[in-house]
Amino acid sequence: MRTRGQATVEMALALVAGLVPLTLGLIAFAEIGWTYHALTTITRQAARYAGTHCWQDESGSNVSNWIQANAPLFPDRSQLTTGEIQIQVSYWMHDPVTRESVPFTCAGSCSAQCIPDSVTVSISGYEFNHFLQLLGLPPLQVPPFSTTVEIESAGANPETGISAP
């Protein structure tokens, strides 16, 4: 009975059947974690940016522009600039009597009269599909991310150094 090369064949089968899929799975899981962390981080940082900078407009265009310019590196970072990942900025006023939050509106911008109470920054519409396509799996719908913080700017504009009373 010939057994020469048997260990080589067994090792090749073990690599193909076990180690290679396990390694690819670990790489895919790490990429999913990296992307999840990046989206969570940019949502939190953008909310902090919005909370410490003047209210510009109802759509929060200054915050959206900041996100697109300062997003951390992750595989689909370009989707932030193309609009595939939706960015929503909502400003709120809090009614102390009814204890409800209502959308904030103001005719001006960056003044003592235009100071909302809080801001919510949300990111949604992202589908993760890098390694999943290679395996024939459908894209993974990533849940929306949302962070709400209180406004801390009090009408100050840190870019110009001007503070409104």
Protein backbone atom coordinates (compact mmCIF):
# COMPACT_ATOMS: atom_id res chain seq x y z
CA MET A 1 0.00 0.00 0.00
CA ARG A 2 1.43 3.39 -1.06
CA THR A 3 1.05 6.27 1.41
CA ARG A 4 3.66 8.57 0.00
CA GLY A 5 2.26 12.13 -0.34
CA GLN A 6 -0.80 11.33 1.77
CA ALA A 7 -0.03 14.15 4.24
CA THR A 8 0.31 16.65 1.39
CA VAL A 9 -3.10 15.74 0.00
CA GLU A 10 -4.71 15.92 3.46
CA MET A 11 -3.13 19.29 4.11
CA ALA A 12 -4.34 20.62 0.76
CA LEU A 13 -7.89 19.42 1.51
CA ALA A 14 -7.78 20.98 4.97
CA LEU A 15 -6.64 24.30 3.51
CA VAL A 16 -9.25 24.35 0.76
CA ALA A 17 -12.13 23.10 2.91
CA GLY A 18 -11.33 24.86 6.19
CA LEU A 19 -8.65 27.47 6.44
CA VAL A 20 -9.28 29.44 3.24
CA PRO A 21 -13.04 29.92 3.88
CA LEU A 22 -12.34 30.75 7.51
CA THR A 23 -9.74 33.35 6.52
CA LEU A 24 -12.05 34.94 3.93
CA GLY A 25 -14.87 34.99 6.50
CA LEU A 26 -12.65 36.74 9.04
CA ILE A 27 -11.58 39.32 6.47
CA ALA A 28 -15.23 39.97 5.51
CA PHE A 29 -16.26 40.27 9.17
CA ALA A 30 -13.39 42.70 9.83
CA GLU A 31 -14.44 44.82 6.85
CA ILE A 32 -18.05 44.91 8.09
CA GLY A 33 -16.84 45.97 11.55
CA TRP A 34 -14.57 48.63 10.06
CA THR A 35 -17.42 50.07 7.99
CA TYR A 36 -19.89 49.97 10.92
CA HIS A 37 -17.39 51.77 13.15
CA ALA A 38 -16.66 54.41 10.50
CA LEU A 39 -20.36 55.19 9.96
CA THR A 40 -21.01 55.36 13.71
CA THR A 41 -18.01 57.62 14.22
CA ILE A 42 -18.87 60.05 11.44
CA THR A 43 -22.47 60.32 12.68
CA ARG A 44 -21.30 61.18 16.21
CA GLN A 45 -18.64 63.62 15.01
CA ALA A 46 -21.07 65.34 12.64
CA ALA A 47 -23.64 65.76 15.43
CA ARG A 48 -20.93 67.27 17.62
CA TYR A 49 -19.91 69.57 14.75
CA ALA A 50 -23.54 70.66 14.21
CA GLY A 51 -24.00 71.23 17.95
CA THR A 52 -21.01 73.56 18.17
CA HIS A 53 -21.50 75.49 14.92
CA CYS A 54 -24.11 78.01 13.87
CA TRP A 55 -27.40 77.00 12.36
CA GLN A 56 -27.13 77.76 8.64
CA ASP A 57 -30.28 76.35 7.05
CA GLU A 58 -32.99 73.77 7.62
CA SER A 59 -31.22 71.11 5.56
CA GLY A 60 -27.96 71.40 7.50
CA SER A 61 -25.91 71.84 4.34
CA ASN A 62 -22.85 72.95 6.33
CA VAL A 63 -22.99 69.69 8.31
CA SER A 64 -23.47 67.56 5.19
CA ASN A 65 -20.50 69.28 3.55
CA TRP A 66 -18.43 68.69 6.68
CA ILE A 67 -19.31 64.97 6.68
CA GLN A 68 -18.33 64.60 3.03
CA ALA A 69 -15.00 66.34 3.65
CA ASN A 70 -14.09 64.68 6.97
CA ALA A 71 -15.43 61.13 6.82
CA PRO A 72 -12.94 58.55 8.09
CA LEU A 73 -11.53 56.04 5.63
CA PHE A 74 -13.71 53.02 4.94
CA PRO A 75 -14.29 50.98 1.76
CA ASP A 76 -17.37 52.89 0.55
CA ARG A 77 -16.41 56.41 1.61
CA SER A 78 -17.13 57.65 -1.93
CA GLN A 79 -20.84 56.84 -1.43
CA LEU A 80 -21.09 59.80 0.96
CA THR A 81 -20.22 62.24 -1.82
CA THR A 82 -22.33 60.57 -4.52
CA GLY A 83 -25.46 60.55 -2.36
CA GLU A 84 -25.85 56.78 -2.14
CA ILE A 85 -25.56 57.13 1.62
CA GLN A 86 -28.21 59.66 2.66
CA ILE A 87 -27.27 62.32 5.21
CA GLN A 88 -30.11 64.01 7.11
CA VAL A 89 -29.67 66.88 9.56
CA SER A 90 -32.67 67.89 11.69
CA TYR A 91 -32.73 70.82 14.11
CA TRP A 92 -35.19 70.86 17.02
CA MET A 93 -36.85 73.25 19.47
CA HIS A 94 -38.10 71.82 22.75
CA ASP A 95 -41.40 73.01 24.16
CA PRO A 96 -41.05 73.03 27.98
CA VAL A 97 -44.84 72.98 28.48
CA THR A 98 -45.78 70.01 26.29
CA ARG A 99 -42.33 68.40 26.49
CA GLU A 100 -42.36 67.83 22.76
CA SER A 101 -39.66 68.47 20.21
CA VAL A 102 -40.73 70.34 17.12
CA PRO A 103 -38.70 71.06 13.98
CA PHE A 104 -36.75 74.30 14.20
CA THR A 105 -37.15 77.04 11.60
CA CYS A 106 -35.69 80.52 11.42
CA ALA A 107 -35.68 83.30 8.83
CA GLY A 108 -32.03 84.29 9.39
CA SER A 109 -28.85 82.38 9.98
CA CYS A 110 -26.12 82.38 12.62
CA SER A 111 -27.59 84.96 14.95
CA ALA A 112 -28.77 85.07 18.55
CA GLN A 113 -32.36 84.71 17.28
CA CYS A 114 -31.60 81.50 15.34
CA ILE A 115 -30.42 79.04 17.96
CA PRO A 116 -32.14 75.63 18.02
CA ASP A 117 -32.12 73.47 21.15
CA SER A 118 -30.73 70.26 19.64
CA VAL A 119 -29.70 68.63 16.40
CA THR A 120 -30.02 65.09 15.05
CA VAL A 121 -27.66 63.79 12.38
CA SER A 122 -28.68 60.59 10.60
CA ILE A 123 -27.02 58.42 7.98
CA SER A 124 -29.07 55.81 6.14
CA GLY A 125 -29.33 53.87 2.90
CA TYR A 126 -26.05 51.99 3.05
CA GLU A 127 -25.78 48.41 1.79
CA PHE A 128 -22.63 46.40 2.47
CA ASN A 129 -21.83 44.04 -0.40
CA HIS A 130 -18.05 43.66 -0.82
CA PHE A 131 -17.31 40.03 0.06
CA LEU A 132 -20.96 38.98 -0.03
CA GLN A 133 -21.12 39.30 -3.81
CA LEU A 134 -18.22 36.88 -4.19
CA LEU A 135 -20.17 34.32 -2.18
CA GLY A 136 -23.41 34.90 -4.09
CA LEU A 137 -25.17 36.44 -1.09
CA PRO A 138 -27.47 39.48 -1.21
CA PRO A 139 -26.19 42.83 0.13
CA LEU A 140 -26.35 43.39 3.88
CA GLN A 141 -28.66 46.31 4.68
CA VAL A 142 -26.89 48.35 7.35
CA PRO A 143 -29.29 49.98 9.84
CA PRO A 144 -29.53 53.77 9.91
CA PHE A 145 -27.28 55.63 12.33
CA SER A 146 -28.56 58.60 14.30
CA THR A 147 -27.08 60.86 16.97
CA THR A 148 -28.78 63.75 18.79
CA VAL A 149 -26.89 66.36 20.80
CA GLU A 150 -27.72 69.68 22.43
CA ILE A 151 -26.67 72.88 20.72
CA GLU A 152 -23.66 74.47 22.39
CA SER A 153 -22.81 77.30 19.99
CA ALA A 154 -25.19 79.93 21.46
CA GLY A 155 -24.99 81.82 18.19
CA ALA A 156 -21.19 81.75 17.96
CA ASN A 157 -19.47 81.12 14.68
CA PRO A 158 -16.08 79.44 15.29
CA GLU A 159 -15.00 79.95 11.67
CA THR A 160 -15.15 83.75 11.91
CA GLY A 161 -14.59 84.13 15.66
CA ILE A 162 -17.74 86.26 15.96
CA SER A 163 -20.22 85.61 18.75
CA ALA A 164 -23.71 87.00 18.83
CA PRO A 165 -25.03 87.99 22.27
